[in-house]
C-alpha cells in the first residue's frame, strides 16, 4: 500500500490519498464528501496492531519520487537481488540442459538476453513493485502518518498526534527518509527524540536512508548494463578470425621487434591485455554520466553529514510557529527535566563543552536513552535540548557513518549490487567461451577443456569479487582529491573524466593480468609465473583491504567536526 501508485502516498499535502492538497481545494460539497470518504477508506485499510516493525519518519515537503525510491530501496532491494540471481541461475541451467553439456553453448546468441537482460528486467520490476507483487508477505509492517492518521477528522488527528510516543515505543525500528530539510523540521526531530527515548538499542535500530542513495544506485546499474551491452558487441568483433589474427600479429611485432623477446607466454599475456583494454572502451563512453552521478552523490552525502554536525534543534522550523514550544517541551519531557538549565554553568554552545559531551555520549560508552538521562542530565545538569543536539551530533553521526560511510566511502555490498550486470555478464562469457567454441579456445592456449573452463570460472569469480568492486571507492577517493584541489565545476568534471578513463583502464589491465597469469601458470606450472600470480592476488587483496576494510567512520567524523568547528 505504501508503494502503490508509484508512491502516491508521499505526494505533498494530502495528494497522496486522492490527488488534491486538501478538502478546501474541492469546489463542491459533493466532491468534498467523496474525498472525505476516500480518505476514510484509505485509513480503514490499515490494520490495527499492537506492535509495528518500522516507523517511517519523513519530511512531508520532500519530493514524492525520491521518497518512493528510498522506500523501494529499503523494502525491495534484497528481494530484487535474490530474484535476479535466481532467475539468472535458472535461465543458465536451462540453457546448459538444452545444449547437453556445459561446453555446448559456445557462440549461442541467446545467452546474453536470457542470462543478463531478462534477470535485470526482473531486478527493476522487483525493485519498484516487489512489495505490491508479494502483497507485503515478506515485507515488514510499516507505520506512516499519511495512512495511519485520519487526516480529515481533526479530533481523531489530535488523538493520534498525542499518541505518537505510543506508536514509536511500539515500533521495533525507525526508517528515516533523509532529505535536505529533514533536520530542519521540528516534528521530524520530535519523532527522532521519541524513538531514541524508548528504543532499547539506540542507533542500531535506526535505518538512515538518504534520498540520493537509490537514484545513484539505479543510475550506476543502468550505466553498467549499457557498458556490458557494448562490451558484448566488442567481444563479438574481437573474436572474429580476421580481427583476432591482426591483434596477434600486432602483439608479435611489439614483442619481437620492440622488446626483442621471443616468448609464447609473454605473447599470450600481451594479447589478453590488448583484448581487455579494447573491452573497457564502453566504460569510457559511460564515464560522463557516471562521474556526474558520483559528484552529485558526494555533494549530497557531504551536505547530509554537515547538516548532522551543525544540528541544533532550536533552529528547526515549524509549519505553525505556535507548535515550537509544544515540541521543545515534549522533547524535554522525553529526555529529562528542567528545560533551560545550564551545563555546569555554561551552555553547550561552547565548542569545548560540546566536544566533551559528544565524546562522553558515544556508542562505546554504552549510554542509551536511559543512560543519557540518568548519567548526563542528573550528574551534569544538562539542558535536554542540548543533550538531544549532542545525541544527533555524536552517536547518530557515528551510526550514519558506520552504515553509509563518509562522502568518499561506499560499502562493499553496495559495490557488488552496482556491478550486478557485470556479474551476470561473467556467466555469459563463461558459458559462451568468449563467443567461440570452447574446444577451440582451450586449444589456442594448450589446455584441456576442463582446465580452460576451470581457469575461466576462477578468473571471473576473483574478478567479480576483488577487481570490479574497487572501481567505485577508488573513483570516489580520486574525485575527492580533485574537488579538494579545484573549485571550478567544469574543471572538476574534466579531470574526473580523465581520471575515470585511467581508472577503468587500470581495472581492465588487472583483469587481463589475472586471466593470463592463471592460464599460463596452469599450462606451464613454472614457479616464476605462479609467483607472479600470487603477487597479483596479494596486491588485489591489499586494494580490497584499503578500499573496504579500513572503516573511515571515526576518522571521517573527527575530520568533519574539526573542519566545521
Protein backbone atom coordinates (compact mmCIF):
# COMPACT_ATOMS: atom_id res chain seq x y z
CA UNK A 1 0.00 0.00 0.00
CA UNK A 2 2.87 2.37 0.78
CA UNK A 3 4.43 1.88 -2.68
CA UNK A 4 1.11 1.69 -4.55
CA UNK A 5 0.61 4.17 -7.37
CA UNK A 6 4.36 4.82 -7.62
CA UNK A 7 4.39 6.11 -4.05
CA UNK A 8 1.32 8.31 -4.40
CA UNK A 9 1.03 8.41 -0.62
CA UNK A 10 4.17 10.55 -0.50
CA UNK A 11 2.60 13.35 -2.55
CA UNK A 12 2.75 16.76 -0.92
CA UNK A 13 -0.07 17.76 1.37
CA UNK A 14 -2.83 15.16 1.15
CA UNK A 15 -2.26 14.49 -2.55
CA UNK A 16 -1.05 11.02 -1.75
CA UNK A 17 -4.55 9.82 -0.99
CA UNK A 18 -6.86 11.11 -3.72
CA UNK A 19 -4.92 13.71 -5.70
CA UNK A 20 -5.74 17.04 -4.01
CA UNK A 21 -3.82 19.09 -1.50
CA UNK A 22 -6.74 19.48 0.92
CA UNK A 23 -10.52 19.31 1.09
CA UNK A 24 -10.66 23.08 0.72
CA UNK A 25 -9.36 22.73 -2.84
CA UNK A 26 -12.56 20.97 -3.89
CA UNK A 27 -15.28 23.29 -5.21
CA UNK A 28 -18.49 21.37 -4.49
CA UNK A 29 -19.87 19.81 -1.36
CA UNK A 30 -20.39 16.51 -3.22
CA UNK A 31 -16.72 16.44 -4.22
CA UNK A 32 -15.65 17.13 -0.64
CA UNK A 33 -17.87 14.32 0.64
CA UNK A 34 -16.42 11.95 -1.94
CA UNK A 35 -12.89 13.00 -0.97
CA UNK A 36 -13.69 12.56 2.72
CA UNK A 37 -14.88 9.03 2.04
CA UNK A 38 -11.70 8.30 0.07
CA UNK A 39 -9.56 9.49 2.98
CA UNK A 40 -11.58 7.43 5.43
CA UNK A 41 -11.40 4.35 3.19
CA UNK A 42 -7.60 4.63 2.97
CA UNK A 43 -7.41 4.89 6.75
CA UNK A 44 -9.66 1.85 7.26
CA UNK A 45 -7.42 -0.29 5.03
CA UNK A 46 -4.72 -0.04 7.68
CA UNK A 47 -4.59 -2.95 10.11
CA UNK A 48 -4.96 -2.50 13.84
CA UNK A 49 -1.88 -3.95 15.54
CA UNK A 50 -0.23 -3.77 18.94
CA UNK A 51 3.31 -3.54 17.53
CA UNK A 52 4.82 -2.44 14.23
CA UNK A 53 8.14 -3.35 12.65
CA UNK A 54 9.14 0.03 11.20
CA UNK A 55 8.07 3.60 11.96
CA UNK A 56 8.63 5.73 8.83
CA UNK A 57 9.87 9.24 9.62
CA UNK A 58 9.91 11.66 6.70
CA UNK A 59 9.50 15.30 5.72
CA UNK A 60 6.12 15.94 4.11
CA UNK A 61 7.64 18.61 1.88
CA UNK A 62 10.19 16.27 0.25
CA UNK A 63 9.61 15.20 -3.32
CA UNK A 64 7.35 12.20 -3.81
CA UNK A 65 9.59 10.30 -6.26
CA UNK A 66 12.71 10.35 -4.16
CA UNK A 67 10.80 9.13 -1.11
CA UNK A 68 9.22 6.38 -3.19
CA UNK A 69 12.66 5.26 -4.41
CA UNK A 70 14.06 5.37 -0.86
CA UNK A 71 11.23 3.15 0.43
CA UNK A 72 11.72 0.76 -2.52
CA UNK A 73 15.42 0.63 -1.66
CA UNK A 74 14.62 -0.25 1.96
CA UNK A 75 11.84 -2.76 1.26
CA UNK A 76 12.67 -4.34 -2.09
CA UNK A 77 16.41 -4.21 -2.79
CA UNK A 78 17.27 -7.51 -1.11
CA UNK A 79 14.26 -9.19 -2.73
CA UNK A 80 15.22 -7.81 -6.16
CA UNK A 81 18.79 -9.11 -5.86
CA UNK A 82 17.65 -12.60 -4.84
CA UNK A 83 15.11 -12.80 -7.67
CA UNK A 84 17.69 -11.57 -10.18
CA UNK A 85 20.31 -14.12 -9.21
CA UNK A 86 17.75 -16.92 -9.00
CA UNK A 87 16.35 -16.14 -12.45
CA UNK A 88 19.86 -15.90 -13.97
CA UNK A 89 20.78 -19.26 -12.44
CA UNK A 90 17.53 -20.82 -13.68
CA UNK A 91 17.99 -19.50 -17.23
CA UNK A 92 21.65 -20.57 -17.36
CA UNK A 93 20.75 -24.05 -16.10
CA UNK A 94 18.01 -24.39 -18.71
CA UNK A 95 20.39 -23.33 -21.49
CA UNK A 96 23.03 -25.83 -20.33
CA UNK A 97 20.50 -28.67 -20.12
CA UNK A 98 19.18 -27.85 -23.58
CA UNK A 99 22.73 -27.78 -25.01
CA UNK A 100 23.53 -31.12 -23.38
CA UNK A 101 26.79 -30.01 -21.74
CA UNK A 102 28.44 -27.02 -20.09
CA UNK A 103 30.73 -26.58 -23.09
CA UNK A 104 27.97 -26.77 -25.68
CA UNK A 105 26.87 -23.12 -25.64
CA UNK A 106 29.84 -21.56 -27.42
CA UNK A 107 28.59 -18.82 -29.75
CA UNK A 108 24.92 -19.08 -28.68
CA UNK A 109 23.39 -15.61 -29.34
CA UNK A 110 20.57 -16.14 -26.82
CA UNK A 111 22.77 -16.41 -23.74
CA UNK A 112 23.02 -12.65 -23.25
CA UNK A 113 19.25 -11.96 -23.43
CA UNK A 114 18.37 -14.88 -21.13
CA UNK A 115 21.16 -14.52 -18.56
CA UNK A 116 21.57 -10.71 -18.45
CA UNK A 117 18.64 -8.78 -19.91
CA UNK A 118 15.82 -10.94 -18.54
CA UNK A 119 17.22 -11.13 -14.96
CA UNK A 120 18.00 -7.39 -14.95
CA UNK A 121 14.44 -6.69 -16.09
CA UNK A 122 13.26 -8.78 -13.15
CA UNK A 123 15.56 -6.74 -10.89
CA UNK A 124 13.89 -3.45 -11.82
CA UNK A 125 10.40 -4.95 -11.65
CA UNK A 126 11.01 -6.32 -8.16
CA UNK A 127 12.77 -3.14 -7.03
CA UNK A 128 9.78 -0.97 -7.92
CA UNK A 129 6.90 -3.41 -7.37
CA UNK A 130 8.24 -6.16 -5.09
CA UNK A 131 6.06 -5.24 -2.13
CA UNK A 132 2.99 -4.98 -4.37
CA UNK A 133 3.64 -8.26 -6.20
CA UNK A 134 4.18 -10.22 -2.97
CA UNK A 135 1.35 -8.34 -1.19
CA UNK A 136 3.79 -7.46 1.56
CA UNK A 137 4.12 -11.03 2.83
CA UNK A 138 7.90 -10.78 3.21
CA UNK A 139 7.98 -7.07 3.98
CA UNK A 140 7.97 -5.54 7.46
CA UNK A 141 4.87 -3.80 8.74
CA UNK A 142 5.10 -0.01 8.43
CA UNK A 143 3.61 2.91 10.31
CA UNK A 144 3.33 6.04 8.19
CA UNK A 145 1.47 9.13 9.29
CA UNK A 146 -0.18 9.77 5.91
CA UNK A 147 -2.11 6.48 6.13
CA UNK A 148 -2.25 5.68 9.84
CA UNK A 149 -3.61 9.05 10.95
CA UNK A 150 -7.09 10.06 9.80
CA UNK A 151 -6.24 13.35 8.10
CA UNK A 152 -9.86 14.55 7.69
CA UNK A 153 -11.05 14.21 11.29
CA UNK A 154 -9.44 16.86 13.50
CA UNK A 155 -10.37 15.16 16.77
CA UNK A 156 -9.01 11.80 15.62
CA UNK A 157 -5.95 13.53 14.24
CA UNK A 158 -5.29 15.25 17.57
CA UNK A 159 -5.60 11.93 19.43
CA UNK A 160 -3.18 10.27 17.00
CA UNK A 161 -0.62 13.06 17.35
CA UNK A 162 -0.80 12.86 21.14
CA UNK A 163 -0.31 9.09 20.87
CA UNK A 164 2.89 9.40 18.79
CA UNK A 165 5.05 8.30 21.75
CA UNK A 166 2.98 5.10 21.97
CA UNK A 167 3.36 4.43 18.25
CA UNK A 168 7.11 4.97 18.44
CA UNK A 169 7.51 2.96 21.63
CA UNK A 170 5.70 0.05 19.97
CA UNK A 171 7.92 0.26 16.85
CA UNK A 172 10.85 -2.13 16.60
CA UNK A 173 12.79 0.04 14.13
CA UNK A 174 12.73 3.51 12.65
CA UNK A 175 13.25 4.35 8.99
CA UNK A 176 14.49 7.89 8.43
CA UNK A 177 13.98 9.13 4.87
CA UNK A 178 16.59 11.88 4.91
CA UNK A 179 16.40 14.91 2.65
CA UNK A 180 17.99 18.34 2.83
CA UNK A 181 15.26 19.66 5.13
CA UNK A 182 14.76 16.68 7.44
CA UNK A 183 16.65 18.04 10.45
CA UNK A 184 15.13 21.47 9.85
CA UNK A 185 11.65 20.14 10.62
CA UNK A 186 10.65 20.26 14.26
CA UNK A 187 8.20 17.36 14.06
CA UNK A 188 10.84 15.13 12.48
CA UNK A 189 13.12 15.94 15.39
CA UNK A 190 10.36 15.07 17.85
CA UNK A 191 9.88 11.67 16.20
CA UNK A 192 13.61 11.01 16.39
CA UNK A 193 13.80 12.10 20.02
CA UNK A 194 10.80 9.96 20.98
CA UNK A 195 12.18 6.85 19.33
CA UNK A 196 15.55 7.46 20.97
CA UNK A 197 13.91 7.73 24.36
CA UNK A 198 12.04 4.42 24.09
CA UNK A 199 14.41 2.35 21.93
CA UNK A 200 16.44 -0.23 23.82
CA UNK A 201 19.28 -0.32 21.28
CA UNK A 202 19.62 3.34 20.26
CA UNK A 203 21.04 3.96 16.82
CA UNK A 204 21.27 0.26 15.91
CA UNK A 205 17.50 0.32 15.32
CA UNK A 206 17.52 3.47 13.16
CA UNK A 207 17.78 2.89 9.41
CA UNK A 208 19.06 6.05 7.77
CA UNK A 209 18.26 6.06 4.01
CA UNK A 210 19.38 9.25 2.23
CA UNK A 211 17.15 10.32 -0.65
CA UNK A 212 20.06 10.38 -3.12
CA UNK A 213 21.13 6.79 -2.45
CA UNK A 214 18.55 4.90 -4.55
CA UNK A 215 18.77 7.22 -7.62
CA UNK A 216 22.57 6.97 -7.56
CA UNK A 217 22.50 3.16 -7.30
CA UNK A 218 19.93 2.77 -10.09
CA UNK A 219 21.83 5.18 -12.35
CA UNK A 220 25.08 3.28 -11.83
CA UNK A 221 23.38 -0.08 -12.52
CA UNK A 222 21.91 1.29 -15.76
CA UNK A 223 25.31 2.64 -16.82
CA UNK A 224 26.91 -0.72 -16.07
CA UNK A 225 24.19 -2.53 -18.02
CA UNK A 226 24.77 -0.24 -21.01
CA UNK A 227 28.54 -0.77 -20.75
CA UNK A 228 28.12 -4.55 -20.58
CA UNK A 229 25.93 -4.49 -23.69
CA UNK A 230 28.60 -2.59 -25.62
CA UNK A 231 31.26 -4.88 -24.17
CA UNK A 232 29.42 -7.88 -25.58
CA UNK A 233 29.39 -6.27 -29.02
CA UNK A 234 33.13 -5.51 -28.82
CA UNK A 235 33.93 -9.07 -27.72
CA UNK A 236 32.00 -10.35 -30.74
CA UNK A 237 34.07 -8.14 -33.02
CA UNK A 238 37.38 -9.11 -31.40
CA UNK A 239 36.56 -12.82 -31.69
CA UNK A 240 36.27 -12.54 -35.49
CA UNK A 241 39.20 -14.51 -37.01
CA UNK A 242 40.49 -11.56 -39.06
CA UNK A 243 40.42 -9.14 -36.11
CA UNK A 244 41.94 -11.64 -33.71
CA UNK A 245 44.72 -12.54 -36.18
CA UNK A 246 45.54 -8.86 -36.64
CA UNK A 247 45.75 -8.42 -32.87
CA UNK A 248 48.02 -11.45 -32.56
CA UNK A 249 50.27 -10.10 -35.30
CA UNK A 250 50.49 -6.71 -33.61
CA UNK A 251 51.45 -8.29 -30.29
CA UNK A 252 54.05 -10.49 -32.02
CA UNK A 253 55.57 -7.42 -33.69
CA UNK A 254 55.67 -5.48 -30.40
CA UNK A 255 57.23 -8.40 -28.56
CA UNK A 256 59.84 -9.39 -31.17
CA UNK A 257 60.79 -6.07 -32.79
CA UNK A 258 60.23 -3.59 -29.96
CA UNK A 259 61.00 -5.64 -26.85
CA UNK A 260 63.32 -8.10 -28.57
CA UNK A 261 61.83 -11.06 -26.72
CA UNK A 262 60.63 -14.34 -28.16
CA UNK A 263 58.24 -15.91 -25.66
CA UNK A 264 54.89 -17.52 -26.35
CA UNK A 265 53.79 -16.96 -22.78
CA UNK A 266 54.56 -13.25 -22.94
CA UNK A 267 52.76 -13.05 -26.26
CA UNK A 268 49.66 -14.60 -24.70
CA UNK A 269 49.82 -12.07 -21.86
CA UNK A 270 50.09 -9.16 -24.32
CA UNK A 271 47.13 -10.46 -26.33
CA UNK A 272 44.93 -10.66 -23.22
CA UNK A 273 45.97 -7.17 -22.11
CA UNK A 274 45.20 -5.73 -25.55
CA UNK A 275 41.85 -7.53 -25.64
CA UNK A 276 40.79 -6.31 -22.18
CA UNK A 277 41.91 -2.72 -22.83
CA UNK A 278 39.83 -2.72 -26.00
CA UNK A 279 36.95 -4.14 -23.95
CA UNK A 280 36.97 -1.25 -21.49
CA UNK A 281 36.11 1.25 -24.26
CA UNK A 282 32.37 1.22 -23.32
CA UNK A 283 33.27 2.42 -19.84
CA UNK A 284 35.00 5.43 -21.38
CA UNK A 285 31.69 6.33 -23.01
CA UNK A 286 29.60 5.89 -19.86
CA UNK A 287 32.21 7.71 -17.76
CA UNK A 288 30.46 11.05 -18.34
CA UNK A 289 27.13 10.22 -16.61
CA UNK A 290 28.98 8.08 -14.06
CA UNK A 291 31.28 10.91 -12.98
CA UNK A 292 28.35 13.34 -12.80
CA UNK A 293 26.40 10.86 -10.66
CA UNK A 294 29.42 10.34 -8.39
CA UNK A 295 29.99 14.08 -7.94
CA UNK A 296 26.31 14.62 -7.12
CA UNK A 297 26.39 11.74 -4.64
CA UNK A 298 29.47 13.17 -2.93
CA UNK A 299 27.88 16.64 -2.71
CA UNK A 300 24.63 15.30 -1.25
CA UNK A 301 26.46 12.97 1.13
CA UNK A 302 28.73 15.70 2.44
CA UNK A 303 25.71 18.01 2.83
CA UNK A 304 23.94 15.35 4.91
CA UNK A 305 26.88 14.86 7.26
CA UNK A 306 27.48 18.61 7.55
CA UNK A 307 23.82 19.09 8.48
CA UNK A 308 24.11 16.49 11.24
CA UNK A 309 27.32 18.01 12.62
CA UNK A 310 25.74 21.50 12.72
CA UNK A 311 22.41 20.25 14.04
CA UNK A 312 20.57 22.45 16.55
CA UNK A 313 17.00 21.55 17.45
CA UNK A 314 16.30 25.17 18.41
CA UNK A 315 16.90 26.26 14.81
CA UNK A 316 14.39 23.77 13.37
CA UNK A 317 11.29 25.08 11.58
CA UNK A 318 7.62 24.54 12.32
CA UNK A 319 4.81 24.92 9.81
CA UNK A 320 2.94 26.55 12.70
CA UNK A 321 5.28 28.56 14.90
CA UNK A 322 2.88 28.02 17.80
CA UNK A 323 3.93 24.35 17.78
CA UNK A 324 7.53 25.17 18.66
CA UNK A 325 7.10 25.42 22.44
CA UNK A 326 4.95 22.30 22.46
CA UNK A 327 7.55 20.24 20.58
CA UNK A 328 10.51 21.56 22.59
CA UNK A 329 8.63 20.84 25.80
CA UNK A 330 7.83 17.33 24.61
CA UNK A 331 11.50 16.66 23.77
CA UNK A 332 12.45 17.92 27.21
CA UNK A 333 9.93 15.62 28.87
CA UNK A 334 11.26 12.68 26.90
CA UNK A 335 14.94 13.21 27.65
CA UNK A 336 14.83 14.73 31.08
CA UNK A 337 13.63 17.67 33.08
CA UNK A 338 14.40 21.33 33.71
CA UNK A 339 14.46 22.75 30.19
CA UNK A 340 16.71 25.74 30.02
CA UNK A 341 19.09 24.58 32.72
CA UNK A 342 22.79 25.07 32.17
CA UNK A 343 25.66 22.67 31.74
CA UNK A 344 27.82 23.31 34.79
CA UNK A 345 27.03 26.97 34.38
CA UNK A 346 27.92 27.08 30.68
CA UNK A 347 25.73 26.35 27.67
CA UNK A 348 26.71 23.74 25.13
CA UNK A 349 27.19 26.46 22.54
CA UNK A 350 30.71 26.43 23.84
CA UNK A 351 32.67 24.23 21.43
CA UNK A 352 34.77 22.59 24.07
CA UNK A 353 31.75 21.57 26.16
CA UNK A 354 30.03 20.23 23.04
CA UNK A 355 33.15 18.29 22.10
CA UNK A 356 33.39 16.80 25.60
CA UNK A 357 29.72 15.85 25.63
CA UNK A 358 29.93 14.22 22.18
CA UNK A 359 32.91 12.19 23.33
CA UNK A 360 31.14 11.14 26.51
CA UNK A 361 27.91 10.19 24.74
CA UNK A 362 29.37 7.70 22.29
CA UNK A 363 28.43 4.12 21.36
CA UNK A 364 31.47 2.85 23.25
CA UNK A 365 30.20 4.40 26.47
CA UNK A 366 27.11 2.17 26.40
CA UNK A 367 24.76 5.08 27.09
CA UNK A 368 21.30 4.91 25.58
CA UNK A 369 18.19 6.95 26.25
CA UNK A 370 18.05 5.92 29.89
CA UNK A 371 21.79 6.36 30.34
CA UNK A 372 21.62 9.76 28.73
CA UNK A 373 19.01 10.94 31.14
CA UNK A 374 20.40 9.48 34.35
CA UNK A 375 24.10 9.97 33.74
CA UNK A 376 24.23 13.22 31.79
CA UNK A 377 21.10 15.03 32.94
CA UNK A 378 21.42 14.37 36.65
CA UNK A 379 25.19 14.24 37.04
CA UNK A 380 25.93 17.28 34.89
CA UNK A 381 22.56 19.10 34.97
CA UNK A 382 22.38 19.43 31.20
CA UNK A 383 19.67 21.11 29.15
CA UNK A 384 17.57 18.36 27.48
CA UNK A 385 17.67 20.15 24.14
CA UNK A 386 21.45 20.33 24.34
CA UNK A 387 21.51 16.63 25.18
CA UNK A 388 19.43 15.92 22.09
CA UNK A 389 21.76 18.09 20.00
CA UNK A 390 24.73 16.12 21.33
CA UNK A 391 22.98 12.84 20.59
CA UNK A 392 22.44 13.81 16.94
CA UNK A 393 25.96 15.20 16.52
CA UNK A 394 27.56 12.28 18.37
CA UNK A 395 26.18 8.72 18.30
CA UNK A 396 23.70 9.33 15.47
CA UNK A 397 26.54 10.77 13.39
CA UNK A 398 28.66 7.71 14.19
CA UNK A 399 25.79 5.39 13.27
CA UNK A 400 25.23 7.12 9.93
CA UNK A 401 28.94 6.92 9.13
CA UNK A 402 29.00 3.27 10.12
CA UNK A 403 26.07 2.40 7.87
CA UNK A 404 26.60 4.62 4.81
CA UNK A 405 30.19 5.82 5.34
CA UNK A 406 31.60 9.25 4.69
CA UNK A 407 31.26 11.10 1.38
CA UNK A 408 34.08 9.09 -0.25
CA UNK A 409 33.09 5.68 1.06
CA UNK A 410 30.73 3.11 -0.42
CA UNK A 411 30.01 -0.24 1.27
CA UNK A 412 31.32 -3.42 -0.38
CA UNK A 413 27.83 -4.93 -0.59
CA UNK A 414 26.59 -1.86 -2.45
CA UNK A 415 29.50 -2.11 -4.89
CA UNK A 416 28.54 -5.70 -5.65
CA UNK A 417 24.95 -4.62 -6.30
CA UNK A 418 26.06 -1.74 -8.54
CA UNK A 419 28.16 -4.14 -10.65
CA UNK A 420 25.39 -6.75 -10.90
CA UNK A 421 25.20 -6.53 -14.73
CA UNK A 422 28.92 -7.32 -14.98
CA UNK A 423 28.45 -10.28 -12.63
CA UNK A 424 25.76 -11.68 -14.92
CA UNK A 425 27.93 -10.97 -17.95
CA UNK A 426 30.66 -13.12 -16.40
CA UNK A 427 28.25 -16.07 -16.55
CA UNK A 428 27.58 -15.29 -20.22
CA UNK A 429 31.30 -15.14 -21.01
CA UNK A 430 31.93 -18.38 -19.14
CA UNK A 431 29.17 -20.30 -20.90
CA UNK A 432 29.90 -18.92 -24.35
CA UNK A 433 33.72 -19.27 -24.03
CA UNK A 434 34.25 -15.68 -25.16
CA UNK A 435 31.79 -16.26 -28.01
CA UNK A 436 33.89 -19.05 -29.53
CA UNK A 437 33.70 -22.82 -29.43
CA UNK A 438 35.04 -23.90 -26.06
CA UNK A 439 37.29 -26.56 -27.55
CA UNK A 440 38.89 -24.05 -29.92
CA UNK A 441 39.50 -21.57 -27.09
CA UNK A 442 41.10 -24.28 -24.94
CA UNK A 443 43.25 -25.49 -27.85
CA UNK A 444 44.61 -21.99 -28.53
CA UNK A 445 46.21 -21.91 -25.06
CA UNK A 446 47.19 -25.61 -24.99
CA UNK A 447 44.84 -26.54 -22.15
CA UNK A 448 42.32 -29.29 -21.74
CA UNK A 449 38.68 -28.27 -21.97
CA UNK A 450 38.22 -28.87 -18.22
CA UNK A 451 41.35 -26.87 -17.37
CA UNK A 452 40.33 -23.95 -19.55
CA UNK A 453 36.78 -23.79 -18.17
CA UNK A 454 38.11 -24.08 -14.62
CA UNK A 455 40.57 -21.23 -15.21
CA UNK A 456 37.86 -19.06 -16.72
CA UNK A 457 35.47 -19.77 -13.83
CA UNK A 458 38.16 -18.97 -11.23
CA UNK A 459 39.08 -15.80 -13.09
CA UNK A 460 35.53 -14.48 -13.17
CA UNK A 461 34.97 -15.33 -9.52
CA UNK A 462 38.02 -13.35 -8.42
CA UNK A 463 37.25 -10.65 -10.97
CA UNK A 464 33.70 -10.08 -9.70
CA UNK A 465 34.68 -10.19 -6.03
CA UNK A 466 38.06 -8.41 -5.99
CA UNK A 467 38.60 -6.27 -9.10
CA UNK A 468 35.45 -4.60 -10.37
CA UNK A 469 34.05 -3.62 -6.91
CA UNK A 470 37.11 -1.48 -6.11
CA UNK A 471 36.39 0.82 -9.08
CA UNK A 472 33.77 2.79 -7.15
CA UNK A 473 35.64 3.55 -3.89
CA UNK A 474 38.79 4.37 -5.88
CA UNK A 475 36.82 6.73 -8.12
CA UNK A 476 35.27 8.38 -5.06
CA UNK A 477 38.69 8.96 -3.50
CA UNK A 478 40.09 10.32 -6.74
CA UNK A 479 37.15 12.71 -7.19
CA UNK A 480 37.52 13.79 -3.56
CA UNK A 481 41.14 14.77 -4.18
CA UNK A 482 40.14 16.65 -7.32
CA UNK A 483 37.34 18.51 -5.51
CA UNK A 484 39.63 19.48 -2.62
CA UNK A 485 42.21 20.91 -5.03
CA UNK A 486 39.94 22.54 -7.65
CA UNK A 487 36.83 24.66 -7.11
CA UNK A 488 35.69 25.18 -10.71
CA UNK A 489 32.91 22.73 -11.61
CA UNK A 490 33.84 22.30 -15.26
CA UNK A 491 37.47 21.61 -14.38
CA UNK A 492 36.36 19.05 -11.79
CA UNK A 493 34.25 17.23 -14.36
CA UNK A 494 37.01 17.27 -16.99
CA UNK A 495 39.67 15.97 -14.60
CA UNK A 496 37.18 13.47 -13.23
CA UNK A 497 36.59 12.11 -16.73
CA UNK A 498 40.31 11.81 -17.38
CA UNK A 499 40.77 10.09 -14.02
CA UNK A 500 37.88 7.71 -14.76
CA UNK A 501 39.47 6.72 -18.07
CA UNK A 502 42.76 5.95 -16.31
CA UNK A 503 40.97 4.07 -13.53
CA UNK A 504 38.86 1.90 -15.85
CA UNK A 505 41.95 1.13 -17.93
CA UNK A 506 43.76 0.07 -14.78
CA UNK A 507 40.83 -2.14 -13.72
CA UNK A 508 40.72 -3.95 -17.04
CA UNK A 509 44.51 -4.34 -17.16
CA UNK A 510 44.30 -6.02 -13.74
CA UNK A 511 41.64 -8.35 -15.18
CA UNK A 512 43.82 -9.16 -18.17
CA UNK A 513 46.86 -9.88 -15.99
CA UNK A 514 44.81 -12.11 -13.70
CA UNK A 515 43.39 -14.19 -16.55
CA UNK A 516 46.66 -14.52 -18.46
CA UNK A 517 48.69 -15.41 -15.35
CA UNK A 518 46.13 -18.03 -14.32
CA UNK A 519 46.18 -19.70 -17.76
CA UNK A 520 49.97 -19.50 -18.18
CA UNK A 521 50.57 -20.81 -14.64
CA UNK A 522 48.21 -23.74 -15.20
CA UNK A 523 49.74 -24.54 -18.59
CA UNK A 524 53.42 -24.26 -17.67
CA UNK A 525 53.41 -24.88 -13.88
CA UNK A 526 56.58 -22.78 -13.75
CA UNK A 527 57.47 -21.19 -10.42
CA UNK A 528 58.05 -17.68 -11.79
CA UNK A 529 54.55 -17.49 -13.29
CA UNK A 530 52.98 -18.95 -10.14
CA UNK A 531 54.85 -16.38 -8.05
CA UNK A 532 53.63 -13.57 -10.31
CA UNK A 533 50.04 -14.83 -9.96
CA UNK A 534 50.27 -14.97 -6.16
CA UNK A 535 51.81 -11.49 -6.10
CA UNK A 536 48.97 -10.09 -8.20
CA UNK A 537 46.33 -11.71 -5.98
CA UNK A 538 48.10 -10.25 -2.92
CA UNK A 539 48.01 -6.78 -4.48
CA UNK A 540 44.31 -7.16 -5.26
CA UNK A 541 43.64 -8.29 -1.68
CA UNK A 542 45.56 -5.26 -0.40
CA UNK A 543 43.43 -2.97 -2.56
CA UNK A 544 40.32 -4.58 -1.14
CA UNK A 545 41.54 -4.02 2.40
CA UNK A 546 42.30 -0.36 1.75
CA UNK A 547 39.02 0.27 -0.04
CA UNK A 548 36.61 -1.57 2.25
CA UNK A 549 38.14 -2.97 5.43
CA UNK A 550 39.57 0.23 6.85
CA UNK A 551 36.46 1.93 8.18
CA UNK A 552 36.56 5.69 7.63
CA UNK A 553 33.75 6.32 10.09
CA UNK A 554 35.52 7.70 13.14
CA UNK A 555 38.30 9.39 11.20
CA UNK A 556 35.74 11.00 8.91
CA UNK A 557 33.64 12.11 11.86
CA UNK A 558 36.55 13.74 13.66
CA UNK A 559 37.74 15.38 10.43
CA UNK A 560 34.33 16.79 9.61
CA UNK A 561 33.71 18.09 13.14
CA UNK A 562 37.12 19.74 13.07
CA UNK A 563 36.51 21.35 9.66
CA UNK A 564 33.08 22.73 10.58
CA UNK A 565 34.18 23.91 14.00
